[in-house]
Every structure is written in structure tokens, then in C-alpha cells.
Protein backbone atom coordinates (compact mmCIF):
# COMPACT_ATOMS: atom_id res chain seq x y z
CA UNK A 1 -6.53 13.89 -10.77
CA UNK A 2 -3.98 12.76 -13.36
CA UNK A 3 -1.26 14.70 -11.53
CA UNK A 4 -2.06 12.69 -8.43
CA UNK A 5 -1.79 9.44 -10.38
CA UNK A 6 1.52 10.51 -11.89
CA UNK A 7 2.82 11.37 -8.41
CA UNK A 8 1.64 7.98 -7.13
CA UNK A 9 3.44 6.21 -9.98
CA UNK A 10 6.65 8.18 -9.47
CA UNK A 11 6.76 7.49 -5.71
CA UNK A 12 6.81 3.74 -6.31
CA UNK A 13 8.96 3.87 -9.44
CA UNK A 14 11.65 6.13 -8.02
CA UNK A 15 11.52 4.30 -4.69
CA UNK A 16 12.24 1.09 -6.55
CA UNK A 17 15.01 2.62 -8.68
CA UNK A 18 16.75 3.83 -5.52
CA UNK A 19 17.83 0.22 -4.99
CA UNK A 20 20.61 0.93 -7.50
CA UNK A 21 21.88 3.82 -5.35
CA UNK A 22 21.68 2.46 -1.81
CA UNK A 23 23.33 -0.72 -0.64
CA UNK A 24 23.33 -2.50 2.68
CA UNK A 25 20.79 -4.05 5.01
CA UNK A 26 20.00 -1.10 7.32
CA UNK A 27 17.52 1.47 6.02
CA UNK A 28 16.29 3.32 9.09
CA UNK A 29 14.90 6.27 7.12
CA UNK A 30 12.77 3.95 5.00
CA UNK A 31 11.41 2.33 8.15
CA UNK A 32 10.41 5.74 9.50
CA UNK A 33 8.68 6.57 6.20
CA UNK A 34 6.85 3.26 6.47
CA UNK A 35 5.75 3.99 10.07
CA UNK A 36 4.52 7.46 9.10
CA UNK A 37 2.60 6.21 6.06
CA UNK A 38 1.08 3.33 8.05
CA UNK A 39 -0.23 5.71 10.71
CA UNK A 40 -1.51 8.12 8.06
CA UNK A 41 -3.32 5.33 6.17
CA UNK A 42 -4.85 4.11 9.42
CA UNK A 43 -6.12 7.62 10.18
CA UNK A 44 -7.58 8.08 6.69
CA UNK A 45 -9.25 4.67 6.85
CA UNK A 46 -10.91 5.31 10.22
CA UNK A 47 -11.86 8.94 9.58
CA UNK A 48 -12.96 8.76 5.94
CA UNK A 49 -13.21 5.33 4.31
CA UNK A 50 -15.09 3.39 7.00
CA UNK A 51 -17.80 6.05 7.59
CA UNK A 52 -18.36 6.40 3.85
CA UNK A 53 -18.57 2.64 3.33
CA UNK A 54 -21.43 2.46 5.86
CA UNK A 55 -23.15 5.53 4.42
CA UNK A 56 -25.29 3.38 2.11
CA UNK A 57 -26.81 1.41 5.03
CA UNK A 58 -25.37 -1.86 3.73
CA UNK A 59 -25.11 -4.02 6.84
CA UNK A 60 -22.83 -6.52 5.09
CA UNK A 61 -19.98 -4.03 4.64
CA UNK A 62 -18.42 -5.23 7.89
CA UNK A 63 -18.29 -8.77 6.54
CA UNK A 64 -16.36 -7.57 3.50
CA UNK A 65 -13.98 -5.61 5.72
CA UNK A 66 -13.19 -8.88 7.48
CA UNK A 67 -12.79 -10.58 4.08
CA UNK A 68 -10.29 -7.93 3.03
CA UNK A 69 -8.37 -8.29 6.29
CA UNK A 70 -8.10 -12.07 5.88
CA UNK A 71 -7.36 -11.75 2.16
CA UNK A 72 -4.31 -9.62 2.96
CA UNK A 73 -3.10 -12.31 5.37
CA UNK A 74 -3.35 -14.82 2.52
CA UNK A 75 -1.52 -12.48 0.14
CA UNK A 76 1.34 -12.16 2.58
CA UNK A 77 1.91 -15.91 2.44
CA UNK A 78 3.14 -15.28 -1.10
CA UNK A 79 4.56 -11.74 -0.79
CA UNK A 80 6.51 -12.56 2.42
CA UNK A 81 5.55 -9.19 3.94
CA UNK A 82 7.13 -7.07 1.22
CA UNK A 83 4.22 -4.61 1.63
CA UNK A 84 5.78 -3.69 4.98
CA UNK A 85 9.19 -3.15 3.44
CA UNK A 86 10.40 -6.59 4.56
CA UNK A 87 13.17 -8.19 2.52
CA UNK A 88 13.49 -11.95 2.96
CA UNK A 89 16.28 -12.64 0.51
CA UNK A 90 16.86 -16.21 -0.62
CA UNK A 91 20.11 -16.63 -2.50
CA UNK A 92 20.12 -18.85 -5.56
CA UNK A 93 22.86 -19.81 -7.99
CA UNK A 94 20.57 -19.38 -10.99
CA UNK A 95 18.16 -16.53 -11.89
CA UNK A 96 14.78 -17.27 -10.27
CA UNK A 97 11.86 -14.91 -10.79
CA UNK A 98 9.87 -14.34 -7.53
CA UNK A 99 6.49 -14.85 -9.22
CA UNK A 100 4.45 -15.17 -6.01
CA UNK A 101 5.90 -11.94 -4.60
CA UNK A 102 5.34 -10.04 -7.84
CA UNK A 103 1.74 -11.17 -8.36
CA UNK A 104 0.67 -10.60 -4.76
CA UNK A 105 2.36 -7.20 -4.57
CA UNK A 106 0.78 -6.04 -7.85
CA UNK A 107 -2.65 -7.18 -6.67
CA UNK A 108 -2.06 -5.38 -3.39
CA UNK A 109 -1.10 -2.15 -5.22
CA UNK A 110 -4.11 -2.43 -7.53
CA UNK A 111 -6.54 -2.75 -4.63
CA UNK A 112 -4.89 0.13 -2.75
CA UNK A 113 -5.56 2.42 -5.71
CA UNK A 114 -9.30 1.73 -5.75
CA UNK A 115 -10.33 4.19 -2.96
CA UNK A 116 -8.86 7.06 -5.02
CA UNK A 117 -12.11 7.18 -6.99
CA UNK A 118 -14.01 7.92 -3.78
CA UNK A 119 -13.04 11.59 -3.54
CA UNK A 120 -10.05 11.39 -1.17
CA UNK A 121 -7.34 11.66 -3.81
CA UNK A 122 -5.17 14.22 -2.04
CA UNK A 123 -5.20 12.47 1.33
CA UNK A 124 -4.78 8.93 0.03
CA UNK A 125 -2.16 9.61 -2.65
CA UNK A 126 0.09 11.03 0.05
CA UNK A 127 -0.19 7.96 2.29
CA UNK A 128 -0.17 5.31 -0.45
CA UNK A 129 2.74 6.97 -2.24
CA UNK A 130 4.89 6.99 0.89
CA UNK A 131 3.85 3.45 1.69
CA UNK A 132 4.91 2.25 -1.78
CA UNK A 133 8.42 3.73 -1.57
CA UNK A 134 9.84 1.10 0.85
CA UNK A 135 7.71 -1.63 -0.77
CA UNK A 136 9.15 -0.85 -4.22
CA UNK A 137 12.65 -0.66 -2.74
CA UNK A 138 12.19 -4.09 -1.18
CA UNK A 139 10.88 -5.44 -4.50
CA UNK A 140 13.91 -4.11 -6.36
CA UNK A 141 16.24 -5.61 -3.76
CA UNK A 142 14.63 -9.04 -4.06
CA UNK A 143 14.66 -8.95 -7.87
CA UNK A 144 18.38 -8.14 -7.93
CA UNK A 145 19.10 -10.77 -5.28
CA UNK A 146 17.41 -13.32 -7.56
CA UNK A 147 19.80 -12.38 -10.38
CA UNK A 148 17.28 -10.49 -12.51
CA UNK A 149 18.87 -8.16 -15.04
CA UNK A 150 18.79 -4.41 -14.51
CA UNK A 151 16.36 -3.97 -17.42
CA UNK A 152 13.97 -6.63 -16.09
CA UNK A 153 14.17 -5.17 -12.59
CA UNK A 154 13.26 -1.70 -13.87
CA UNK A 155 10.40 -3.16 -15.93
CA UNK A 156 8.85 -5.01 -12.99
CA UNK A 157 9.27 -1.99 -10.70
CA UNK A 158 7.40 0.09 -13.32
CA UNK A 159 4.72 -2.60 -13.52
CA UNK A 160 4.18 -2.47 -9.77
CA UNK A 161 4.15 1.35 -9.84
CA UNK A 162 1.35 1.30 -12.44
CA UNK A 163 -0.94 -0.94 -10.38
CA UNK A 164 -2.37 1.75 -8.05
CA UNK A 165 -3.28 4.10 -10.96
CA UNK A 166 -4.86 1.11 -12.73
CA UNK A 167 -6.89 0.41 -9.58
CA UNK A 168 -8.18 3.98 -9.68
CA UNK A 169 -9.39 3.71 -13.28
CA UNK A 170 -11.21 0.42 -12.63
CA UNK A 171 -12.74 1.75 -9.41
CA UNK A 172 -13.81 4.97 -11.14
CA UNK A 173 -15.52 2.94 -13.87
CA UNK A 174 -17.32 0.84 -11.25
CA UNK A 175 -18.47 3.81 -9.16
CA UNK A 176 -19.79 5.63 -12.23
CA UNK A 177 -21.65 2.55 -13.49
CA UNK A 178 -19.29 2.06 -16.40
CA UNK A 179 -18.75 -1.65 -15.70
CA UNK A 180 -22.03 -3.53 -15.85
CA UNK A 181 -24.16 -3.05 -12.75
CA UNK A 182 -21.31 -3.34 -10.25
CA UNK A 183 -22.03 0.14 -8.92
CA UNK A 184 -24.48 -1.27 -6.37
CA UNK A 185 -21.65 -3.35 -4.90
CA UNK A 186 -19.12 -0.53 -4.75
CA UNK A 187 -19.29 -0.15 -0.95
CA UNK A 188 -18.66 -3.88 -0.52
CA UNK A 189 -15.65 -3.68 -2.81
CA UNK A 190 -14.43 -0.75 -0.74
CA UNK A 191 -15.01 -2.87 2.38
CA UNK A 192 -12.43 -5.36 1.07
CA UNK A 193 -9.98 -2.53 0.44
CA UNK A 194 -10.61 -1.13 3.93
CA UNK A 195 -9.83 -4.52 5.44
CA UNK A 196 -6.54 -4.60 3.51
CA UNK A 197 -5.68 -1.07 4.69
CA UNK A 198 -6.44 -2.01 8.29
CA UNK A 199 -4.22 -5.07 8.16
CA UNK A 200 -1.31 -3.27 6.49
CA UNK A 201 -1.44 -0.20 8.72
CA UNK A 202 -1.88 -2.04 12.02
CA UNK A 203 0.89 -4.52 11.15
CA UNK A 204 3.24 -1.61 10.49
CA UNK A 205 2.18 0.20 13.67
CA UNK A 206 2.51 -2.79 16.01
CA UNK A 207 5.70 -4.26 14.64
CA UNK A 208 8.34 -4.23 17.33
CA UNK A 209 11.99 -3.50 16.76
CA UNK A 210 14.51 -6.33 16.81
CA UNK A 211 15.29 -5.64 20.46
CA UNK A 212 11.61 -5.09 21.37
CA UNK A 213 12.47 -1.79 22.99
CA UNK A 214 10.71 1.55 22.94
CA UNK A 215 11.49 3.41 19.70
CA UNK A 216 11.04 7.15 20.14
CA UNK A 217 11.67 8.00 16.48
CA UNK A 218 9.00 5.57 15.32
CA UNK A 219 6.54 6.93 17.88
CA UNK A 220 7.11 10.47 16.60
CA UNK A 221 6.59 9.31 12.99
CA UNK A 222 3.38 7.51 13.96
CA UNK A 223 1.98 10.48 15.92
CA UNK A 224 2.85 12.81 13.06
CA UNK A 225 1.03 10.57 10.55
CA UNK A 226 -2.09 10.42 12.73
CA UNK A 227 -1.96 14.17 13.39
CA UNK A 228 -1.83 15.04 9.69
CA UNK A 229 -4.78 12.75 8.93
CA UNK A 230 -6.73 14.47 11.75
CA UNK A 231 -5.85 17.92 10.41
CA UNK A 232 -7.19 16.92 6.99
CA UNK A 233 -10.37 15.58 8.58
CA UNK A 234 -11.00 18.67 10.73
CA UNK A 235 -10.38 21.00 7.79
CA UNK A 236 -13.29 19.36 5.92
CA UNK A 237 -15.84 19.75 8.74
């Protein structure tokens, strides 16, 4: 499992560091990676996470899925959609740290790492890791645009990259009963995470291009992401 966590960390960390290598406002490859990962996460959520969350016959799980969905909407009021790879750059004359973006993105990454304790490490690490590459790149871009030093930018990218592994360790402790008696509420906690996944993935999937025209490359990336999640599901039957 620790190899998976290391891979998850490196995807976000290296994705963020790539901001020092690539300049410019057009990153079509990153957008395709985002579309693929969004479709893959949607497939994993529908095929694995939702059925497992209802496995314990807790009829309130659906309520917590809605809570997670709305909670992500609230988070995006502070993160400005950076989870989708969006970069809303506000130029300032003096260094200004984007605290709201950093806190909301770290909380988002932490919550995304929680399902890893549920037994779907291989499937989820792949989707979350790809999803965090453009998010970390966007974070690095915004930090530099706000006149943060290179050292501080690298530090905060590393902090974001560590959030998903941290979410795994907390979730693992909860599911094993290591944190009080929270184990009985694990499915409800997962319901919140599922709601977040549904919001993120559907937002990515239904975002239109700037000209609102049919995008064949994005469609291929989306179909490929869904197909791979289906292959993983069928192989476990």
C-alpha cells in the first residue's frame, strides 16, 4: 500500500513542479488528463464506492452523499475551481498568499484520500493521481502569480501532495476502530467523500469548451476512462 501512497504523492508533487518547466496559458494535454481522470473517478464511484456505502443498510448514506456534493460546492467558492485545473489568476503588486485556495484544496485532497482504506487502492490511486496532476499545476501557477518564492511554492505543492496519503491514514484508523468509536459512522463519512467525487467528476465531464462545440478528443478521453473503470469492475466479478 505504501507504494501506492508514494505514487499518489509523486503525481501531485511532480505535477506541481512542472509549473517551472511549462509556460503559457494553453495546456490541452492537461485538460485531456483531467477529462480522463474525471471519467475514471466517476466510474469507480458508481461501480464500487456507492454500492459499498449502502452495503451496511444505512438508509442515511444518501443524505451524506448530498452533504458531500453541497460541501464541494462551498469549497469551490474559496478554491475558485482549482480542483478542475482552473487557473483564475489575479495579479497583485505585492506577494499575497492565496490562503482560501490552499486550505480548500488541501481539505479536498485529504477527503479524496479517505476511500483508499476501503480496498480499492489500485483503482483509486490511478484516478486520483491523474486528477491531482492538473490541480497541482494550477496551484503552482497561482502561487507564482501571487509572487510566492520558488521555495515556498515547492513547499506548498508538497503540502498539497501529502494530503491524500494523510487522508488514507486517518480513514484506515477510523475503519479499523483506531479512532474512538467512529467506525460505526464510516459509511456516512464515505458518503460525504462520494458526494465530493460525484461533484468533481460530473463538473469535469460536463464542462463545455470555450466555443461550446463538440470536442472529439475529450470524448475519447472520457470513454477511455469509463472503459478502464468497467474493465476493473468486470475483472473482479
